Amino acid sequence: MYEPIRTKSVHAMADPGDFPHRSREEELDIQLAGHLAALLAVTDELRGLSPDGGLDVAAEQLSAQVARLRGGPAPVRAAVVTAIHEPHLSALHQRAHALAGRALVVAASRADTEVAILAARRMDAHAAASTPLAAAAA
């Protein structure tokens, strides 16, 4: 009734040694570096909109951690934005808070205390920065 299958399954033909595999730690490093790089981009945008010494220090710390996790040079930094718009600042702080939260979760799962502390501090700073803006808009 049915014609028999004449070729092997693609799963049976694949040789596990044909492609590189990464360890869980390497995958977590890649994921954490991505979250920190995204947080760095938002931090650079915030620095352009409202210059602050705390943001400058945070950007340097984030850049150093991304370079360490990637095992290479410092990441490319975002260009400075010129327009100032309060709701935009609030949204950026909320986005930065969420990104720092994601970084904190990954840092905790890979037991990177230094990055976990940095991410927690950034969460606190962005939560505090977005609260006055939200209260002033109401």
N, C-alpha and C. Protein backbone atom coordinates (compact mmCIF):
# COMPACT_ATOMS: atom_id res chain seq x y z
N MET A 1 0.81 -1.18 0.00
CA MET A 1 0.00 0.00 0.00
C MET A 1 0.87 1.26 0.00
N TYR A 2 1.86 1.35 0.89
CA TYR A 2 2.76 2.49 0.91
C TYR A 2 4.11 2.08 0.34
N GLU A 3 4.75 3.03 -0.29
CA GLU A 3 6.09 2.76 -0.81
C GLU A 3 7.08 2.86 0.35
N PRO A 4 8.00 1.93 0.47
CA PRO A 4 8.95 1.99 1.58
C PRO A 4 9.91 3.17 1.44
N ILE A 5 10.37 3.68 2.58
CA ILE A 5 11.33 4.79 2.59
C ILE A 5 12.68 4.26 2.17
N ARG A 6 13.28 4.89 1.17
CA ARG A 6 14.53 4.38 0.62
C ARG A 6 15.78 5.09 1.16
N THR A 7 15.59 6.25 1.76
CA THR A 7 16.74 6.99 2.27
C THR A 7 16.67 7.06 3.79
N LYS A 8 17.81 7.32 4.38
CA LYS A 8 17.87 7.46 5.83
C LYS A 8 17.24 8.79 6.24
N SER A 9 16.79 8.83 7.45
CA SER A 9 16.27 10.06 8.01
C SER A 9 17.39 11.10 8.11
N VAL A 10 17.02 12.36 7.99
CA VAL A 10 18.03 13.41 8.13
C VAL A 10 18.62 13.39 9.54
N HIS A 11 17.86 12.92 10.49
CA HIS A 11 18.36 12.86 11.86
C HIS A 11 19.39 11.75 12.01
N ALA A 12 19.19 10.69 11.29
CA ALA A 12 20.13 9.58 11.36
C ALA A 12 21.41 9.90 10.59
N MET A 13 21.32 10.75 9.58
CA MET A 13 22.48 11.08 8.75
C MET A 13 23.38 12.12 9.41
N ALA A 14 22.83 12.92 10.30
CA ALA A 14 23.62 13.99 10.92
C ALA A 14 24.65 13.40 11.87
N ASP A 15 25.86 13.84 11.71
CA ASP A 15 26.94 13.41 12.58
C ASP A 15 27.12 14.49 13.66
N PRO A 16 27.04 14.12 14.92
CA PRO A 16 27.14 15.15 15.97
C PRO A 16 28.45 15.93 15.95
N GLY A 17 29.46 15.42 15.30
CA GLY A 17 30.74 16.13 15.25
C GLY A 17 30.83 17.09 14.08
N ASP A 18 29.76 17.20 13.27
CA ASP A 18 29.79 18.04 12.08
C ASP A 18 29.67 19.53 12.37
N PHE A 19 29.13 19.91 13.51
CA PHE A 19 28.97 21.33 13.81
C PHE A 19 29.40 21.59 15.25
N PRO A 20 29.86 22.81 15.50
CA PRO A 20 30.37 23.10 16.84
C PRO A 20 29.25 23.21 17.86
N HIS A 21 29.54 22.80 19.05
CA HIS A 21 28.60 22.90 20.16
C HIS A 21 29.19 23.85 21.19
N ARG A 22 28.30 24.58 21.87
CA ARG A 22 28.75 25.46 22.94
C ARG A 22 28.26 24.90 24.27
N SER A 23 29.02 25.18 25.29
CA SER A 23 28.61 24.76 26.63
C SER A 23 27.54 25.72 27.14
N ARG A 24 26.90 25.33 28.21
CA ARG A 24 25.88 26.19 28.82
C ARG A 24 26.50 27.50 29.27
N GLU A 25 27.71 27.45 29.80
CA GLU A 25 28.38 28.66 30.27
C GLU A 25 28.66 29.61 29.11
N GLU A 26 29.08 29.06 27.98
CA GLU A 26 29.34 29.90 26.81
C GLU A 26 28.05 30.55 26.31
N GLU A 27 26.96 29.79 26.31
CA GLU A 27 25.67 30.35 25.89
C GLU A 27 25.22 31.46 26.84
N LEU A 28 25.41 31.26 28.14
CA LEU A 28 25.04 32.28 29.11
C LEU A 28 25.92 33.52 28.96
N ASP A 29 27.20 33.33 28.68
CA ASP A 29 28.09 34.48 28.44
C ASP A 29 27.60 35.30 27.25
N ILE A 30 27.24 34.62 26.18
CA ILE A 30 26.75 35.31 24.98
C ILE A 30 25.46 36.06 25.28
N GLN A 31 24.54 35.40 25.99
CA GLN A 31 23.27 36.03 26.33
C GLN A 31 23.48 37.23 27.25
N LEU A 32 24.33 37.08 28.25
CA LEU A 32 24.59 38.17 29.20
C LEU A 32 25.26 39.34 28.50
N ALA A 33 26.22 39.06 27.63
CA ALA A 33 26.88 40.14 26.89
C ALA A 33 25.88 40.89 26.01
N GLY A 34 24.93 40.18 25.44
CA GLY A 34 23.90 40.83 24.63
C GLY A 34 23.01 41.75 25.45
N HIS A 35 22.58 41.28 26.61
CA HIS A 35 21.74 42.12 27.48
C HIS A 35 22.51 43.35 27.95
N LEU A 36 23.77 43.16 28.33
CA LEU A 36 24.57 44.30 28.79
C LEU A 36 24.86 45.28 27.66
N ALA A 37 25.06 44.78 26.45
CA ALA A 37 25.29 45.67 25.30
C ALA A 37 24.03 46.47 25.00
N ALA A 38 22.87 45.86 25.10
CA ALA A 38 21.62 46.59 24.89
C ALA A 38 21.43 47.63 25.98
N LEU A 39 21.75 47.28 27.22
CA LEU A 39 21.66 48.24 28.32
C LEU A 39 22.64 49.38 28.12
N LEU A 40 23.81 49.09 27.61
CA LEU A 40 24.81 50.13 27.31
C LEU A 40 24.29 51.09 26.24
N ALA A 41 23.63 50.56 25.21
CA ALA A 41 23.08 51.42 24.15
C ALA A 41 22.02 52.37 24.71
N VAL A 42 21.15 51.86 25.57
CA VAL A 42 20.12 52.71 26.18
C VAL A 42 20.78 53.72 27.13
N THR A 43 21.79 53.29 27.86
CA THR A 43 22.50 54.20 28.77
C THR A 43 23.17 55.32 27.99
N ASP A 44 23.78 55.00 26.84
CA ASP A 44 24.39 56.03 26.02
C ASP A 44 23.34 57.01 25.49
N GLU A 45 22.17 56.49 25.15
CA GLU A 45 21.10 57.38 24.68
C GLU A 45 20.63 58.29 25.81
N LEU A 46 20.51 57.76 27.00
CA LEU A 46 20.14 58.58 28.16
C LEU A 46 21.21 59.63 28.46
N ARG A 47 22.47 59.25 28.32
CA ARG A 47 23.57 60.20 28.54
C ARG A 47 23.48 61.36 27.57
N GLY A 48 23.07 61.09 26.35
CA GLY A 48 22.94 62.16 25.36
C GLY A 48 21.78 63.08 25.65
N LEU A 49 20.70 62.53 26.20
CA LEU A 49 19.51 63.33 26.49
C LEU A 49 19.62 64.11 27.79
N SER A 50 20.20 63.50 28.80
CA SER A 50 20.35 64.18 30.09
C SER A 50 21.69 63.78 30.70
N PRO A 51 22.74 64.54 30.39
CA PRO A 51 24.09 64.21 30.88
C PRO A 51 24.11 64.08 32.41
N ASP A 52 24.78 63.02 32.85
CA ASP A 52 24.84 62.73 34.28
C ASP A 52 26.13 61.94 34.53
N GLY A 53 26.85 62.31 35.57
CA GLY A 53 28.09 61.62 35.90
C GLY A 53 27.86 60.16 36.26
N GLY A 54 26.73 59.87 36.90
CA GLY A 54 26.41 58.49 37.25
C GLY A 54 26.22 57.62 36.02
N LEU A 55 25.60 58.19 34.99
CA LEU A 55 25.41 57.45 33.74
C LEU A 55 26.74 57.22 33.04
N ASP A 56 27.64 58.20 33.14
CA ASP A 56 28.97 58.05 32.53
C ASP A 56 29.73 56.88 33.16
N VAL A 57 29.70 56.82 34.48
CA VAL A 57 30.39 55.75 35.20
C VAL A 57 29.74 54.40 34.86
N ALA A 58 28.42 54.37 34.85
CA ALA A 58 27.71 53.13 34.53
C ALA A 58 28.03 52.65 33.12
N ALA A 59 28.10 53.59 32.17
CA ALA A 59 28.42 53.22 30.79
C ALA A 59 29.81 52.61 30.69
N GLU A 60 30.76 53.17 31.40
CA GLU A 60 32.11 52.61 31.38
C GLU A 60 32.16 51.22 32.01
N GLN A 61 31.43 51.03 33.12
CA GLN A 61 31.38 49.72 33.76
C GLN A 61 30.72 48.69 32.85
N LEU A 62 29.62 49.08 32.20
CA LEU A 62 28.93 48.18 31.28
C LEU A 62 29.83 47.81 30.11
N SER A 63 30.53 48.81 29.58
CA SER A 63 31.43 48.57 28.45
C SER A 63 32.53 47.58 28.83
N ALA A 64 33.08 47.75 30.03
CA ALA A 64 34.14 46.85 30.48
C ALA A 64 33.63 45.42 30.65
N GLN A 65 32.41 45.26 31.17
CA GLN A 65 31.86 43.93 31.36
C GLN A 65 31.54 43.25 30.02
N VAL A 66 31.02 44.02 29.07
CA VAL A 66 30.73 43.45 27.74
C VAL A 66 32.03 42.99 27.09
N ALA A 67 33.07 43.80 27.18
CA ALA A 67 34.36 43.43 26.60
C ALA A 67 34.91 42.17 27.27
N ARG A 68 34.77 42.08 28.58
CA ARG A 68 35.25 40.90 29.31
C ARG A 68 34.49 39.65 28.88
N LEU A 69 33.17 39.74 28.79
CA LEU A 69 32.37 38.57 28.42
C LEU A 69 32.61 38.13 26.99
N ARG A 70 32.83 39.10 26.12
CA ARG A 70 33.07 38.76 24.72
C ARG A 70 34.52 38.38 24.46
N GLY A 71 35.39 38.68 25.41
CA GLY A 71 36.80 38.33 25.27
C GLY A 71 37.48 39.12 24.17
N GLY A 72 37.09 40.36 24.02
CA GLY A 72 37.68 41.17 22.95
C GLY A 72 37.66 42.64 23.27
N PRO A 73 37.65 43.46 22.23
CA PRO A 73 37.68 44.91 22.42
C PRO A 73 36.35 45.43 22.98
N ALA A 74 36.39 46.68 23.39
CA ALA A 74 35.19 47.32 23.92
C ALA A 74 34.11 47.40 22.84
N PRO A 75 32.83 47.35 23.23
CA PRO A 75 31.75 47.40 22.24
C PRO A 75 31.64 48.77 21.58
N VAL A 76 30.99 48.79 20.43
CA VAL A 76 30.72 50.04 19.72
C VAL A 76 29.69 50.82 20.52
N ARG A 77 29.94 52.12 20.68
CA ARG A 77 29.05 52.95 21.49
C ARG A 77 28.07 53.69 20.61
N ALA A 78 26.89 54.00 21.16
CA ALA A 78 25.84 54.69 20.43
C ALA A 78 26.17 56.17 20.26
N ALA A 79 25.64 56.75 19.20
CA ALA A 79 25.82 58.18 18.95
C ALA A 79 24.93 58.97 19.91
N VAL A 80 25.28 60.23 20.12
CA VAL A 80 24.54 61.09 21.03
C VAL A 80 23.28 61.60 20.35
N VAL A 81 22.19 61.59 21.09
CA VAL A 81 20.91 62.11 20.61
C VAL A 81 20.81 63.56 21.05
N THR A 82 20.19 64.41 20.23
CA THR A 82 20.17 65.83 20.55
C THR A 82 18.86 66.32 21.14
N ALA A 83 17.73 65.72 20.82
CA ALA A 83 16.44 66.22 21.28
C ALA A 83 16.15 65.73 22.70
N ILE A 84 15.49 66.60 23.49
CA ILE A 84 15.09 66.21 24.83
C ILE A 84 13.56 66.16 24.86
N HIS A 85 13.06 65.03 25.29
CA HIS A 85 11.62 64.83 25.34
C HIS A 85 11.33 64.00 26.58
N GLU A 86 10.61 64.54 27.54
CA GLU A 86 10.42 63.90 28.84
C GLU A 86 9.79 62.51 28.77
N PRO A 87 8.66 62.31 28.04
CA PRO A 87 8.12 60.94 28.00
C PRO A 87 9.12 59.95 27.40
N HIS A 88 9.94 60.44 26.46
CA HIS A 88 10.96 59.58 25.87
C HIS A 88 11.98 59.18 26.93
N LEU A 89 12.34 60.09 27.80
CA LEU A 89 13.27 59.77 28.89
C LEU A 89 12.68 58.72 29.82
N SER A 90 11.42 58.87 30.15
CA SER A 90 10.76 57.91 31.02
C SER A 90 10.74 56.53 30.38
N ALA A 91 10.43 56.46 29.10
CA ALA A 91 10.41 55.18 28.40
C ALA A 91 11.80 54.56 28.34
N LEU A 92 12.81 55.39 28.14
CA LEU A 92 14.19 54.88 28.12
C LEU A 92 14.59 54.31 29.48
N HIS A 93 14.21 55.00 30.55
CA HIS A 93 14.51 54.49 31.89
C HIS A 93 13.78 53.17 32.15
N GLN A 94 12.54 53.07 31.69
CA GLN A 94 11.80 51.82 31.86
C GLN A 94 12.44 50.69 31.06
N ARG A 95 12.88 50.99 29.83
CA ARG A 95 13.54 49.98 29.01
C ARG A 95 14.86 49.55 29.65
N ALA A 96 15.62 50.53 30.15
CA ALA A 96 16.90 50.22 30.80
C ALA A 96 16.67 49.37 32.05
N HIS A 97 15.61 49.67 32.79
CA HIS A 97 15.28 48.89 33.98
C HIS A 97 14.99 47.44 33.60
N ALA A 98 14.22 47.24 32.54
CA ALA A 98 13.89 45.89 32.09
C ALA A 98 15.13 45.14 31.61
N LEU A 99 15.99 45.83 30.86
CA LEU A 99 17.22 45.19 30.38
C LEU A 99 18.14 44.82 31.54
N ALA A 100 18.23 45.70 32.52
CA ALA A 100 19.07 45.40 33.69
C ALA A 100 18.50 44.20 34.44
N GLY A 101 17.18 44.09 34.48
CA GLY A 101 16.55 42.94 35.12
C GLY A 101 16.88 41.64 34.41
N ARG A 102 16.86 41.67 33.08
CA ARG A 102 17.22 40.48 32.31
C ARG A 102 18.69 40.11 32.55
N ALA A 103 19.53 41.12 32.56
CA ALA A 103 20.95 40.87 32.82
C ALA A 103 21.15 40.29 34.22
N LEU A 104 20.40 40.77 35.18
CA LEU A 104 20.50 40.27 36.55
C LEU A 104 20.13 38.79 36.62
N VAL A 105 19.07 38.40 35.92
CA VAL A 105 18.64 37.00 35.92
C VAL A 105 19.73 36.09 35.33
N VAL A 106 20.30 36.50 34.20
CA VAL A 106 21.34 35.69 33.56
C VAL A 106 22.60 35.67 34.41
N ALA A 107 22.97 36.83 34.98
CA ALA A 107 24.16 36.89 35.82
C ALA A 107 24.00 36.00 37.05
N ALA A 108 22.81 35.96 37.60
CA ALA A 108 22.57 35.09 38.76
C ALA A 108 22.66 33.62 38.36
N SER A 109 22.16 33.28 37.18
CA SER A 109 22.21 31.88 36.76
C SER A 109 23.61 31.41 36.43
N ARG A 110 24.49 32.34 36.05
CA ARG A 110 25.88 31.94 35.77
C ARG A 110 26.80 32.29 36.94
N ALA A 111 26.23 32.74 38.05
CA ALA A 111 26.95 33.04 39.28
C ALA A 111 28.04 34.09 39.08
N ASP A 112 27.71 35.13 38.32
CA ASP A 112 28.64 36.25 38.11
C ASP A 112 28.22 37.38 39.05
N THR A 113 28.82 37.39 40.23
CA THR A 113 28.43 38.33 41.28
C THR A 113 28.67 39.78 40.87
N GLU A 114 29.78 40.04 40.21
CA GLU A 114 30.12 41.41 39.82
C GLU A 114 29.07 41.99 38.88
N VAL A 115 28.67 41.24 37.88
CA VAL A 115 27.66 41.71 36.93
C VAL A 115 26.29 41.78 37.60
N ALA A 116 25.99 40.84 38.49
CA ALA A 116 24.72 40.87 39.20
C ALA A 116 24.58 42.13 40.04
N ILE A 117 25.65 42.51 40.72
CA ILE A 117 25.63 43.73 41.52
C ILE A 117 25.47 44.96 40.62
N LEU A 118 26.20 44.99 39.51
CA LEU A 118 26.09 46.10 38.56
C LEU A 118 24.67 46.20 38.02
N ALA A 119 24.08 45.07 37.63
CA ALA A 119 22.72 45.07 37.08
C ALA A 119 21.71 45.52 38.13
N ALA A 120 21.87 45.07 39.37
CA ALA A 120 20.95 45.48 40.43
C ALA A 120 21.04 46.98 40.69
N ARG A 121 22.26 47.50 40.68
CA ARG A 121 22.43 48.96 40.88
C ARG A 121 21.79 49.75 39.74
N ARG A 122 21.93 49.25 38.51
CA ARG A 122 21.33 49.93 37.37
C ARG A 122 19.81 49.87 37.46
N MET A 123 19.27 48.74 37.91
CA MET A 123 17.82 48.64 38.09
C MET A 123 17.33 49.68 39.09
N ASP A 124 18.04 49.79 40.22
CA ASP A 124 17.67 50.77 41.24
C ASP A 124 17.74 52.19 40.70
N ALA A 125 18.82 52.49 39.97
CA ALA A 125 19.00 53.85 39.44
C ALA A 125 17.91 54.20 38.43
N HIS A 126 17.58 53.26 37.55
CA HIS A 126 16.56 53.55 36.54
C HIS A 126 15.16 53.57 37.14
N ALA A 127 14.91 52.78 38.16
CA ALA A 127 13.62 52.85 38.84
C ALA A 127 13.46 54.20 39.53
N ALA A 128 14.52 54.66 40.17
CA ALA A 128 14.47 55.95 40.84
C ALA A 128 14.34 57.10 39.83
N ALA A 129 15.00 56.97 38.69
CA ALA A 129 14.95 58.03 37.68
C ALA A 129 13.60 58.09 36.98
N SER A 130 12.93 56.97 36.82
CA SER A 130 11.66 56.99 36.10
C SER A 130 10.50 57.38 37.02
N THR A 131 10.65 57.23 38.33
CA THR A 131 9.58 57.57 39.26
C THR A 131 9.28 59.06 39.29
N PRO A 132 10.26 59.96 39.44
CA PRO A 132 9.95 61.39 39.44
C PRO A 132 9.36 61.87 38.10
N LEU A 133 9.81 61.29 37.01
CA LEU A 133 9.29 61.68 35.70
C LEU A 133 7.83 61.29 35.57
N ALA A 134 7.47 60.14 36.06
CA ALA A 134 6.08 59.67 35.97
C ALA A 134 5.19 60.50 36.89
N ALA A 135 5.69 60.85 38.08
CA ALA A 135 4.92 61.67 39.01
C ALA A 135 4.73 63.09 38.48
N ALA A 136 5.75 63.63 37.82
CA ALA A 136 5.64 64.99 37.29
C ALA A 136 4.68 65.05 36.10
N ALA A 137 4.58 63.98 35.33
CA ALA A 137 3.69 63.97 34.18
C ALA A 137 2.23 63.86 34.60
N ALA A 138 1.96 63.32 35.79
CA ALA A 138 0.57 63.12 36.24
C ALA A 138 -0.07 64.37 36.75
